[in-house]
Amino acid sequence: MRSNQPGLHPGLASCVRKHADTPWRQPVPGATREAFARVEAMRRAHWAGRPVVLDSGCGTGESTARLAQRHPEAWVVGIDRSAVRLARVGADRGPAGRGRVLWVRAELASFWRLALAAGWSVSHHYLLYPNPWPKAAHLKRRWHGHPVFPALLALGGRLELRSNWKTYVEEFARAVELLTGLAPGVSRLDDAGAPLSPFERKYLASGHARWRWRDTLPKTSI
């Protein structure tokens, strides 16, 4: 990963604390609100009481199907904003499902806020290889520098982030520590096991190091 930022961003702590102290009130886009309403209706009709697993930024949806195998007790929802990627699973024009798996096209930050407001019980949440925004000027585009970060943590569950840029994972872990007190345990992924996503498969084939942070989030509110 090429970056003009050699370590943790010097403005990380102030950015995280500012977003924790200032509620984010940006209006939710209409398309995401409509998509969430359809998904919530499905949940209430068929999956109420089941744990929810989120695959945020699911891309083509391959990772969502793999996560459903890992979590046979749960309803697994893959979310991405790309119609082109989601066309692979038929979710480019609306939510599409197969058994316990559902894919939906939506803007992630807004979807998280709506899920939180609806009281979703998230048991596991995966952020697999998000756009790292490696330039120092782009800190606020990374999830831990984004205004939605407190809402992301408030969804709870066991959160797992993976990236091929160690600094991103270390920053994320530090941001979580600032808001929850959880120790920033970052580890390198070994090569055992099938890759969860196409990006992971690509990085594994090219010999890139892959990094992970995961922990169970405490119950919080925003």
C-alpha atoms as a PDB file:
ATOM      1  CA  MET A   1       0.000   0.000   0.000  1.00  0.00           C
ATOM      2  CA  ARG A   2       1.451   3.360  -1.023  1.00  0.00           C
ATOM      3  CA  SER A   3       0.737   6.237   1.314  1.00  0.00           C
ATOM      4  CA  ASN A   4       2.178   9.607   2.272  1.00  0.00           C
ATOM      5  CA  GLN A   5       1.223   8.775   5.861  1.00  0.00           C
ATOM      6  CA  PRO A   6       3.960   6.779   7.662  1.00  0.00           C
ATOM      7  CA  GLY A   7       2.019   5.930  10.859  1.00  0.00           C
ATOM      8  CA  LEU A   8      -1.167   6.728  12.739  1.00  0.00           C
ATOM      9  CA  HIS A   9      -2.665  10.009  11.579  1.00  0.00           C
ATOM     10  CA  PRO A  10      -1.769  12.787  14.053  1.00  0.00           C
ATOM     11  CA  GLY A  11      -5.331  14.091  13.945  1.00  0.00           C
ATOM     12  CA  LEU A  12      -6.990  10.722  14.615  1.00  0.00           C
ATOM     13  CA  ALA A  13      -7.865  11.215  18.286  1.00  0.00           C
ATOM     14  CA  SER A  14      -9.306  14.701  17.860  1.00  0.00           C
ATOM     15  CA  CYS A  15     -11.338  13.573  14.855  1.00  0.00           C
ATOM     16  CA  VAL A  16     -12.790  10.560  16.674  1.00  0.00           C
ATOM     17  CA  ARG A  17     -13.656  12.546  19.798  1.00  0.00           C
ATOM     18  CA  LYS A  18     -15.274  15.323  17.772  1.00  0.00           C
ATOM     19  CA  HIS A  19     -17.590  12.863  16.039  1.00  0.00           C
ATOM     20  CA  ALA A  20     -18.407  11.205  19.365  1.00  0.00           C
ATOM     21  CA  ASP A  21     -19.369  14.554  20.864  1.00  0.00           C
ATOM     22  CA  THR A  22     -21.330  15.856  17.874  1.00  0.00           C
ATOM     23  CA  PRO A  23     -24.314  13.794  16.629  1.00  0.00           C
ATOM     24  CA  TRP A  24     -24.290  13.314  12.865  1.00  0.00           C
ATOM     25  CA  ARG A  25     -27.566  14.561  11.438  1.00  0.00           C
ATOM     26  CA  GLN A  26     -27.043  14.371   7.688  1.00  0.00           C
ATOM     27  CA  PRO A  27     -30.318  13.390   5.974  1.00  0.00           C
ATOM     28  CA  VAL A  28     -30.606   9.778   4.866  1.00  0.00           C
ATOM     29  CA  PRO A  29     -30.795   9.430   1.056  1.00  0.00           C
ATOM     30  CA  GLY A  30     -34.234   8.427  -0.148  1.00  0.00           C
ATOM     31  CA  ALA A  31     -33.004   5.359  -2.032  1.00  0.00           C
ATOM     32  CA  THR A  32     -31.299   3.956   1.065  1.00  0.00           C
ATOM     33  CA  ARG A  33     -34.318   4.720   3.246  1.00  0.00           C
ATOM     34  CA  GLU A  34     -36.551   2.855   0.793  1.00  0.00           C
ATOM     35  CA  ALA A  35     -34.150  -0.096   0.546  1.00  0.00           C
ATOM     36  CA  PHE A  36     -33.909  -0.335   4.327  1.00  0.00           C
ATOM     37  CA  ALA A  37     -37.686  -0.238   4.697  1.00  0.00           C
ATOM     38  CA  ARG A  38     -37.977  -3.255   2.389  1.00  0.00           C
ATOM     39  CA  VAL A  39     -35.246  -5.119   4.258  1.00  0.00           C
ATOM     40  CA  GLU A  40     -36.785  -4.298   7.642  1.00  0.00           C
ATOM     41  CA  ALA A  41     -40.164  -5.585   6.456  1.00  0.00           C
ATOM     42  CA  MET A  42     -38.502  -8.877   5.472  1.00  0.00           C
ATOM     43  CA  ARG A  43     -36.757  -9.110   8.821  1.00  0.00           C
ATOM     44  CA  ARG A  44     -39.956  -8.546  10.777  1.00  0.00           C
ATOM     45  CA  ALA A  45     -41.909 -11.007   8.638  1.00  0.00           C
ATOM     46  CA  HIS A  46     -39.397 -13.860   8.488  1.00  0.00           C
ATOM     47  CA  TRP A  47     -36.364 -13.334  10.720  1.00  0.00           C
ATOM     48  CA  ALA A  48     -37.551 -11.521  13.837  1.00  0.00           C
ATOM     49  CA  GLY A  49     -35.683 -12.902  16.825  1.00  0.00           C
ATOM     50  CA  ARG A  50     -32.850 -14.282  14.712  1.00  0.00           C
ATOM     51  CA  PRO A  51     -29.344 -12.824  15.148  1.00  0.00           C
ATOM     52  CA  VAL A  52     -28.229 -10.599  12.291  1.00  0.00           C
ATOM     53  CA  VAL A  53     -24.807 -10.795  10.641  1.00  0.00           C
ATOM     54  CA  LEU A  54     -23.764  -7.788   8.544  1.00  0.00           C
ATOM     55  CA  ASP A  55     -21.326  -7.963   5.640  1.00  0.00           C
ATOM     56  CA  SER A  56     -20.725  -4.256   5.058  1.00  0.00           C
ATOM     57  CA  GLY A  57     -19.213  -3.466   1.682  1.00  0.00           C
ATOM     58  CA  CYS A  58     -19.954  -6.950   0.379  1.00  0.00           C
ATOM     59  CA  GLY A  59     -18.975  -6.237  -3.233  1.00  0.00           C
ATOM     60  CA  THR A  60     -20.113  -9.081  -5.475  1.00  0.00           C
ATOM     61  CA  GLY A  61     -21.716 -10.885  -2.540  1.00  0.00           C
ATOM     62  CA  GLU A  62     -19.337 -13.847  -2.419  1.00  0.00           C
ATOM     63  CA  SER A  63     -18.260 -13.018   1.125  1.00  0.00           C
ATOM     64  CA  THR A  64     -21.881 -12.840   2.301  1.00  0.00           C
ATOM     65  CA  ALA A  65     -22.543 -16.398   1.147  1.00  0.00           C
ATOM     66  CA  ARG A  66     -19.368 -17.600   2.865  1.00  0.00           C
ATOM     67  CA  LEU A  67     -20.340 -15.860   6.085  1.00  0.00           C
ATOM     68  CA  ALA A  68     -23.724 -17.582   5.987  1.00  0.00           C
ATOM     69  CA  GLN A  69     -21.878 -20.907   6.068  1.00  0.00           C
ATOM     70  CA  ARG A  70     -19.888 -19.670   9.053  1.00  0.00           C
ATOM     71  CA  HIS A  71     -23.018 -18.497  10.902  1.00  0.00           C
ATOM     72  CA  PRO A  72     -25.769 -21.081  10.251  1.00  0.00           C
ATOM     73  CA  GLU A  73     -27.978 -19.662  13.011  1.00  0.00           C
ATOM     74  CA  ALA A  74     -28.165 -16.139  11.605  1.00  0.00           C
ATOM     75  CA  TRP A  75     -29.782 -13.996   8.950  1.00  0.00           C
ATOM     76  CA  VAL A  76     -26.871 -12.625   6.895  1.00  0.00           C
ATOM     77  CA  VAL A  77     -27.189  -9.281   5.114  1.00  0.00           C
ATOM     78  CA  GLY A  78     -24.659  -8.067   2.551  1.00  0.00           C
ATOM     79  CA  ILE A  79     -24.676  -4.338   1.799  1.00  0.00           C
ATOM     80  CA  ASP A  80     -22.919  -2.485  -0.999  1.00  0.00           C
ATOM     81  CA  ARG A  81     -23.590   0.679  -2.979  1.00  0.00           C
ATOM     82  CA  SER A  82     -22.424  -0.670  -6.346  1.00  0.00           C
ATOM     83  CA  ALA A  83     -25.166  -1.834  -8.694  1.00  0.00           C
ATOM     84  CA  VAL A  84     -22.537  -3.362 -10.977  1.00  0.00           C
ATOM     85  CA  ARG A  85     -21.124  -5.570  -8.228  1.00  0.00           C
ATOM     86  CA  LEU A  86     -24.512  -6.539  -6.824  1.00  0.00           C
ATOM     87  CA  ALA A  87     -25.787  -7.483 -10.280  1.00  0.00           C
ATOM     88  CA  ARG A  88     -23.834 -10.721  -9.761  1.00  0.00           C
ATOM     89  CA  VAL A  89     -26.441 -11.774  -7.189  1.00  0.00           C
ATOM     90  CA  GLY A  90     -29.425 -10.010  -8.756  1.00  0.00           C
ATOM     91  CA  ALA A  91     -29.575  -7.222  -6.176  1.00  0.00           C
ATOM     92  CA  ASP A  92     -28.792  -4.289  -8.445  1.00  0.00           C
ATOM     93  CA  ARG A  93     -32.439  -3.156  -8.626  1.00  0.00           C
ATOM     94  CA  GLY A  94     -33.641  -4.150  -5.190  1.00  0.00           C
ATOM     95  CA  PRO A  95     -32.937  -6.512  -2.276  1.00  0.00           C
ATOM     96  CA  ALA A  96     -32.416 -10.112  -3.375  1.00  0.00           C
ATOM     97  CA  GLY A  97     -32.165 -13.180  -1.186  1.00  0.00           C
ATOM     98  CA  ARG A  98     -31.270 -16.840  -1.136  1.00  0.00           C
ATOM     99  CA  GLY A  99     -32.375 -18.678   1.965  1.00  0.00           C
ATOM    100  CA  ARG A 100     -30.870 -16.945   4.993  1.00  0.00           C
ATOM    101  CA  VAL A 101     -28.820 -14.558   2.826  1.00  0.00           C
ATOM    102  CA  LEU A 102     -29.977 -11.154   1.634  1.00  0.00           C
ATOM    103  CA  TRP A 103     -28.116  -8.620  -0.496  1.00  0.00           C
ATOM    104  CA  VAL A 104     -29.129  -4.986  -0.649  1.00  0.00           C
ATOM    105  CA  ARG A 105     -27.882  -1.926  -2.499  1.00  0.00           C
ATOM    106  CA  ALA A 106     -27.560   0.976  -0.055  1.00  0.00           C
ATOM    107  CA  GLU A 107     -25.276   3.694   1.231  1.00  0.00           C
ATOM    108  CA  LEU A 108     -23.552   2.046   4.182  1.00  0.00           C
ATOM    109  CA  ALA A 109     -23.353   4.880   6.686  1.00  0.00           C
ATOM    110  CA  SER A 110     -27.060   5.622   6.321  1.00  0.00           C
ATOM    111  CA  PHE A 111     -28.025   1.952   6.442  1.00  0.00           C
ATOM    112  CA  TRP A 112     -26.151   1.538   9.724  1.00  0.00           C
ATOM    113  CA  ARG A 113     -27.968   4.498  11.251  1.00  0.00           C
ATOM    114  CA  LEU A 114     -31.336   3.110  10.183  1.00  0.00           C
ATOM    115  CA  ALA A 115     -30.508  -0.362  11.528  1.00  0.00           C
ATOM    116  CA  LEU A 116     -29.469   1.166  14.832  1.00  0.00           C
ATOM    117  CA  ALA A 117     -32.675   3.193  15.055  1.00  0.00           C
ATOM    118  CA  ALA A 118     -34.706   0.062  14.273  1.00  0.00           C
ATOM    119  CA  GLY A 119     -33.059  -1.814  17.132  1.00  0.00           C
ATOM    120  CA  TRP A 120     -31.358  -4.535  15.118  1.00  0.00           C
ATOM    121  CA  SER A 121     -29.599  -7.206  17.174  1.00  0.00           C
ATOM    122  CA  VAL A 122     -26.288  -7.531  15.335  1.00  0.00           C
ATOM    123  CA  SER A 123     -24.335 -10.573  16.477  1.00  0.00           C
ATOM    124  CA  HIS A 124     -21.412 -10.228  14.034  1.00  0.00           C
ATOM    125  CA  HIS A 125     -20.327  -7.415  11.759  1.00  0.00           C
ATOM    126  CA  TYR A 126     -17.659  -7.728   9.038  1.00  0.00           C
ATOM    127  CA  LEU A 127     -15.771  -4.932   7.275  1.00  0.00           C
ATOM    128  CA  LEU A 128     -13.704  -6.816   4.736  1.00  0.00           C
ATOM    129  CA  TYR A 129     -11.095  -4.728   2.920  1.00  0.00           C
ATOM    130  CA  PRO A 130     -12.811  -1.333   2.854  1.00  0.00           C
ATOM    131  CA  ASN A 131     -11.357   1.392   0.642  1.00  0.00           C
ATOM    132  CA  PRO A 132      -8.299   2.441   2.699  1.00  0.00           C
ATOM    133  CA  TRP A 133      -8.123   6.037   1.464  1.00  0.00           C
ATOM    134  CA  PRO A 134      -4.340   5.995   1.961  1.00  0.00           C
ATOM    135  CA  LYS A 135      -3.636   9.713   1.536  1.00  0.00           C
ATOM    136  CA  ALA A 136      -3.269  11.550   4.837  1.00  0.00           C
ATOM    137  CA  ALA A 137      -5.751  14.173   3.663  1.00  0.00           C
ATOM    138  CA  HIS A 138      -8.442  11.490   3.433  1.00  0.00           C
ATOM    139  CA  LEU A 139      -8.631  10.502   7.112  1.00  0.00           C
ATOM    140  CA  LYS A 140     -12.295  11.512   7.344  1.00  0.00           C
ATOM    141  CA  ARG A 141     -13.173   9.161   4.495  1.00  0.00           C
ATOM    142  CA  ARG A 142     -11.944   6.131   6.454  1.00  0.00           C
ATOM    143  CA  TRP A 143     -14.632   4.532   8.595  1.00  0.00           C
ATOM    144  CA  HIS A 144     -12.912   5.376  11.869  1.00  0.00           C
ATOM    145  CA  GLY A 145     -12.611   9.026  10.787  1.00  0.00           C
ATOM    146  CA  HIS A 146     -16.161   9.257   9.465  1.00  0.00           C
ATOM    147  CA  PRO A 147     -18.993  10.895  11.459  1.00  0.00           C
ATOM    148  CA  VAL A 148     -20.882   7.575  11.422  1.00  0.00           C
ATOM    149  CA  PHE A 149     -18.204   5.775  13.459  1.00  0.00           C
ATOM    150  CA  PRO A 150     -20.022   6.066  16.830  1.00  0.00           C
ATOM    151  CA  ALA A 151     -23.157   4.587  15.237  1.00  0.00           C
ATOM    152  CA  LEU A 152     -21.113   1.761  13.732  1.00  0.00           C
ATOM    153  CA  LEU A 153     -19.833   0.836  17.185  1.00  0.00           C
ATOM    154  CA  ALA A 154     -23.261   1.260  18.777  1.00  0.00           C
ATOM    155  CA  LEU A 155     -24.628  -1.514  16.530  1.00  0.00           C
ATOM    156  CA  GLY A 156     -22.609  -3.843  18.766  1.00  0.00           C
ATOM    157  CA  GLY A 157     -21.828  -7.485  18.195  1.00  0.00           C
ATOM    158  CA  ARG A 158     -18.478  -9.007  17.335  1.00  0.00           C
ATOM    159  CA  LEU A 159     -16.887  -6.610  14.873  1.00  0.00           C
ATOM    160  CA  GLU A 160     -14.131  -7.745  12.508  1.00  0.00           C
ATOM    161  CA  LEU A 161     -12.104  -5.540  10.185  1.00  0.00           C
ATOM    162  CA  ARG A 162      -9.631  -6.857   7.618  1.00  0.00           C
ATOM    163  CA  SER A 163      -7.270  -4.858   5.417  1.00  0.00           C
ATOM    164  CA  ASN A 164      -4.003  -5.220   3.558  1.00  0.00           C
ATOM    165  CA  TRP A 165      -2.875  -1.831   4.977  1.00  0.00           C
ATOM    166  CA  LYS A 166      -1.723  -2.305   8.555  1.00  0.00           C
ATOM    167  CA  THR A 167      -1.982   1.399   9.371  1.00  0.00           C
ATOM    168  CA  TYR A 168      -5.704   1.380   8.576  1.00  0.00           C
ATOM    169  CA  VAL A 169      -6.307  -1.484  10.999  1.00  0.00           C
ATOM    170  CA  GLU A 170      -4.137   0.101  13.690  1.00  0.00           C
ATOM    171  CA  GLU A 171      -5.994   3.391  13.353  1.00  0.00           C
ATOM    172  CA  PHE A 172      -9.343   1.634  13.506  1.00  0.00           C
ATOM    173  CA  ALA A 173      -8.273  -0.270  16.623  1.00  0.00           C
ATOM    174  CA  ARG A 174      -7.068   2.922  18.275  1.00  0.00           C
ATOM    175  CA  ALA A 175     -10.334   4.687  17.433  1.00  0.00           C
ATOM    176  CA  VAL A 176     -12.310   1.825  18.981  1.00  0.00           C
ATOM    177  CA  GLU A 177     -10.119   2.030  22.076  1.00  0.00           C
ATOM    178  CA  LEU A 178     -10.755   5.761  22.397  1.00  0.00           C
ATOM    179  CA  LEU A 179     -14.538   5.269  22.453  1.00  0.00           C
ATOM    180  CA  THR A 180     -14.873   1.906  24.230  1.00  0.00           C
ATOM    181  CA  GLY A 181     -11.656   1.175  26.097  1.00  0.00           C
ATOM    182  CA  LEU A 182     -11.092  -2.097  24.213  1.00  0.00           C
ATOM    183  CA  ALA A 183      -7.409  -2.944  23.796  1.00  0.00           C
ATOM    184  CA  PRO A 184      -6.153  -2.428  20.221  1.00  0.00           C
ATOM    185  CA  GLY A 185      -5.243  -6.031  19.354  1.00  0.00           C
ATOM    186  CA  VAL A 186      -4.132  -6.117  15.697  1.00  0.00           C
ATOM    187  CA  SER A 187      -2.948  -9.420  14.256  1.00  0.00           C
ATOM    188  CA  ARG A 188      -1.650 -10.713  10.959  1.00  0.00           C
ATOM    189  CA  LEU A 189      -3.835 -13.241   9.172  1.00  0.00           C
ATOM    190  CA  ASP A 190      -2.203 -16.528   8.296  1.00  0.00           C
ATOM    191  CA  ASP A 191      -2.734 -18.255   4.964  1.00  0.00           C
ATOM    192  CA  ALA A 192      -4.864 -21.078   6.331  1.00  0.00           C
ATOM    193  CA  GLY A 193      -8.492 -21.356   5.339  1.00  0.00           C
ATOM    194  CA  ALA A 194     -10.419 -20.262   2.287  1.00  0.00           C
ATOM    195  CA  PRO A 195     -10.423 -16.513   1.556  1.00  0.00           C
ATOM    196  CA  LEU A 196     -13.692 -14.826   2.454  1.00  0.00           C
ATOM    197  CA  SER A 197     -13.791 -12.360  -0.431  1.00  0.00           C
ATOM    198  CA  PRO A 198     -12.362 -11.795  -3.926  1.00  0.00           C
ATOM    199  CA  PHE A 199     -10.060  -9.072  -2.545  1.00  0.00           C
ATOM    200  CA  GLU A 200      -8.725 -11.460   0.074  1.00  0.00           C
ATOM    201  CA  ARG A 201      -8.143 -14.092  -2.573  1.00  0.00           C
ATOM    202  CA  LYS A 202      -6.236 -11.555  -4.688  1.00  0.00           C
ATOM    203  CA  TYR A 203      -4.055 -10.427  -1.781  1.00  0.00           C
ATOM    204  CA  LEU A 204      -3.369 -14.010  -0.769  1.00  0.00           C
ATOM    205  CA  ALA A 205      -2.314 -14.941  -4.312  1.00  0.00           C
ATOM    206  CA  SER A 206      -0.002 -11.927  -4.595  1.00  0.00           C
ATOM    207  CA  GLY A 207       1.651 -12.504  -1.241  1.00  0.00           C
ATOM    208  CA  HIS A 208       0.331  -9.339   0.441  1.00  0.00           C
ATOM    209  CA  ALA A 209       0.226  -9.299   4.216  1.00  0.00           C
ATOM    210  CA  ARG A 210      -3.338  -9.131   5.522  1.00  0.00           C
ATOM    211  CA  TRP A 211      -4.244  -7.621   8.892  1.00  0.00           C
ATOM    212  CA  ARG A 212      -7.200  -8.013  11.211  1.00  0.00           C
ATOM    213  CA  TRP A 213      -8.796  -6.426  14.261  1.00  0.00           C
ATOM    214  CA  ARG A 214     -11.750  -8.092  15.943  1.00  0.00           C
ATOM    215  CA  ASP A 215     -13.444  -7.915  19.304  1.00  0.00           C
ATOM    216  CA  THR A 216     -16.891  -7.972  20.876  1.00  0.00           C
ATOM    217  CA  LEU A 217     -18.174  -4.446  21.310  1.00  0.00           C
ATOM    218  CA  PRO A 218     -19.677  -3.367  24.619  1.00  0.00           C
ATOM    219  CA  LYS A 219     -23.280  -2.224  24.709  1.00  0.00           C
ATOM    220  CA  THR A 220     -23.244   1.501  24.056  1.00  0.00           C
ATOM    221  CA  SER A 221     -25.613   4.236  22.975  1.00  0.00           C
ATOM    222  CA  ILE A 222     -25.164   7.425  21.002  1.00  0.00           C
END
